[in-house]
């Protein structure tokens, strides 16, 4: 779990550094679901907060992506709602 928490923290730190440097150049962000926003069936630490911060930026689109084949899109949506997204 510690390794994944570090990965999420690194992602968040890198993103917000880039945001400040390239505020007008970045038009969108792709965020992987598994291992970044959630680990198993639990939300990654600060993931909901990071998404909230992304939502605050009107000029920055983001999409959540995954290559999972073990869940349907409806199951993914339900699971994300259950863990607070």
C-alpha atoms as a PDB file:
ATOM      1  CA  UNK A   1       0.000   0.000   0.000  1.00  0.00           C
ATOM      2  CA  UNK A   2       2.855   2.393   0.820  1.00  0.00           C
ATOM      3  CA  UNK A   3       4.247   2.088  -2.719  1.00  0.00           C
ATOM      4  CA  UNK A   4       0.881   3.096  -4.224  1.00  0.00           C
ATOM      5  CA  UNK A   5       0.452   5.969  -1.798  1.00  0.00           C
ATOM      6  CA  UNK A   6       3.869   7.269  -2.840  1.00  0.00           C
ATOM      7  CA  UNK A   7       2.892   6.932  -6.496  1.00  0.00           C
ATOM      8  CA  UNK A   8      -0.261   8.980  -5.965  1.00  0.00           C
ATOM      9  CA  UNK A   9       1.640  11.627  -4.021  1.00  0.00           C
ATOM     10  CA  UNK A  10       4.249  11.800  -6.770  1.00  0.00           C
ATOM     11  CA  UNK A  11       1.516  12.129  -9.409  1.00  0.00           C
ATOM     12  CA  UNK A  12      -0.179  14.935  -7.515  1.00  0.00           C
ATOM     13  CA  UNK A  13       3.058  16.796  -6.893  1.00  0.00           C
ATOM     14  CA  UNK A  14       4.188  16.499 -10.506  1.00  0.00           C
ATOM     15  CA  UNK A  15       0.815  17.587 -11.842  1.00  0.00           C
ATOM     16  CA  UNK A  16       0.557  20.689  -9.708  1.00  0.00           C
ATOM     17  CA  UNK A  17       4.132  21.694 -10.551  1.00  0.00           C
ATOM     18  CA  UNK A  18       3.338  21.329 -14.241  1.00  0.00           C
ATOM     19  CA  UNK A  19       0.113  23.246 -13.796  1.00  0.00           C
ATOM     20  CA  UNK A  20       1.956  26.264 -12.502  1.00  0.00           C
ATOM     21  CA  UNK A  21       4.618  26.151 -15.221  1.00  0.00           C
ATOM     22  CA  UNK A  22       2.325  25.472 -18.145  1.00  0.00           C
ATOM     23  CA  UNK A  23      -0.987  26.919 -17.043  1.00  0.00           C
ATOM     24  CA  UNK A  24      -2.051  27.913 -20.559  1.00  0.00           C
ATOM     25  CA  UNK A  25      -0.392  25.090 -22.480  1.00  0.00           C
ATOM     26  CA  UNK A  26      -1.954  22.012 -20.894  1.00  0.00           C
ATOM     27  CA  UNK A  27      -5.428  21.484 -22.293  1.00  0.00           C
ATOM     28  CA  UNK A  28      -6.273  18.147 -20.702  1.00  0.00           C
ATOM     29  CA  UNK A  29      -5.123  15.349 -18.457  1.00  0.00           C
ATOM     30  CA  UNK A  30      -5.659  11.586 -18.630  1.00  0.00           C
ATOM     31  CA  UNK A  31      -5.735   9.863 -15.247  1.00  0.00           C
ATOM     32  CA  UNK A  32      -5.488   6.101 -14.853  1.00  0.00           C
ATOM     33  CA  UNK A  33      -8.101   4.612 -12.577  1.00  0.00           C
ATOM     34  CA  UNK A  34      -6.430   1.542 -11.082  1.00  0.00           C
ATOM     35  CA  UNK A  35      -3.388   2.225  -8.952  1.00  0.00           C
ATOM     36  CA  UNK A  36      -3.791   5.992  -9.191  1.00  0.00           C
ATOM     37  CA  UNK A  37      -7.334   6.936  -8.150  1.00  0.00           C
ATOM     38  CA  UNK A  38      -8.166   3.663  -6.490  1.00  0.00           C
ATOM     39  CA  UNK A  39      -6.330   0.658  -5.212  1.00  0.00           C
ATOM     40  CA  UNK A  40      -8.509  -2.416  -5.332  1.00  0.00           C
ATOM     41  CA  UNK A  41     -11.890  -1.234  -4.121  1.00  0.00           C
ATOM     42  CA  UNK A  42     -10.594   1.683  -2.045  1.00  0.00           C
ATOM     43  CA  UNK A  43      -9.870   5.283  -3.000  1.00  0.00           C
ATOM     44  CA  UNK A  44      -6.230   6.277  -3.023  1.00  0.00           C
ATOM     45  CA  UNK A  45      -5.300   8.793  -0.390  1.00  0.00           C
ATOM     46  CA  UNK A  46      -6.143  12.349  -1.527  1.00  0.00           C
ATOM     47  CA  UNK A  47      -7.484  11.146  -4.878  1.00  0.00           C
ATOM     48  CA  UNK A  48     -10.916  12.711  -4.361  1.00  0.00           C
ATOM     49  CA  UNK A  49      -9.257  15.947  -3.258  1.00  0.00           C
ATOM     50  CA  UNK A  50      -7.051  15.962  -6.370  1.00  0.00           C
ATOM     51  CA  UNK A  51     -10.069  15.426  -8.630  1.00  0.00           C
ATOM     52  CA  UNK A  52     -11.879  18.218  -6.829  1.00  0.00           C
ATOM     53  CA  UNK A  53      -8.973  20.523  -7.543  1.00  0.00           C
ATOM     54  CA  UNK A  54      -9.019  19.515 -11.216  1.00  0.00           C
ATOM     55  CA  UNK A  55     -12.746  20.248 -11.388  1.00  0.00           C
ATOM     56  CA  UNK A  56     -12.099  23.799 -10.170  1.00  0.00           C
ATOM     57  CA  UNK A  57     -10.105  24.619 -13.311  1.00  0.00           C
ATOM     58  CA  UNK A  58     -12.504  25.626 -16.051  1.00  0.00           C
ATOM     59  CA  UNK A  59      -9.909  25.523 -18.830  1.00  0.00           C
ATOM     60  CA  UNK A  60      -8.532  22.079 -18.001  1.00  0.00           C
ATOM     61  CA  UNK A  61     -10.360  18.957 -19.128  1.00  0.00           C
ATOM     62  CA  UNK A  62      -9.626  15.580 -17.627  1.00  0.00           C
ATOM     63  CA  UNK A  63     -10.667  12.036 -18.326  1.00  0.00           C
ATOM     64  CA  UNK A  64     -10.337   8.942 -16.209  1.00  0.00           C
ATOM     65  CA  UNK A  65      -9.061   5.965 -18.187  1.00  0.00           C
ATOM     66  CA  UNK A  66      -8.592   2.275 -17.489  1.00  0.00           C
ATOM     67  CA  UNK A  67      -7.689  -0.875 -19.320  1.00  0.00           C
ATOM     68  CA  UNK A  68      -9.521  -3.166 -16.907  1.00  0.00           C
ATOM     69  CA  UNK A  69     -11.535  -6.002 -18.368  1.00  0.00           C
ATOM     70  CA  UNK A  70     -12.844  -7.341 -15.071  1.00  0.00           C
ATOM     71  CA  UNK A  71     -15.593  -4.723 -14.604  1.00  0.00           C
ATOM     72  CA  UNK A  72     -18.209  -3.214 -16.868  1.00  0.00           C
ATOM     73  CA  UNK A  73     -18.415   0.558 -17.137  1.00  0.00           C
ATOM     74  CA  UNK A  74     -21.561   0.506 -14.984  1.00  0.00           C
ATOM     75  CA  UNK A  75     -19.743  -1.463 -12.289  1.00  0.00           C
ATOM     76  CA  UNK A  76     -16.854   1.008 -12.379  1.00  0.00           C
ATOM     77  CA  UNK A  77     -19.222   3.969 -11.978  1.00  0.00           C
ATOM     78  CA  UNK A  78     -20.999   2.265  -9.067  1.00  0.00           C
ATOM     79  CA  UNK A  79     -17.726   1.407  -7.367  1.00  0.00           C
ATOM     80  CA  UNK A  80     -16.448   4.981  -7.728  1.00  0.00           C
ATOM     81  CA  UNK A  81     -19.662   6.364  -6.268  1.00  0.00           C
ATOM     82  CA  UNK A  82     -19.409   3.946  -3.333  1.00  0.00           C
ATOM     83  CA  UNK A  83     -15.912   5.170  -2.445  1.00  0.00           C
ATOM     84  CA  UNK A  84     -16.740   8.855  -2.639  1.00  0.00           C
ATOM     85  CA  UNK A  85     -16.046  10.036  -6.166  1.00  0.00           C
END
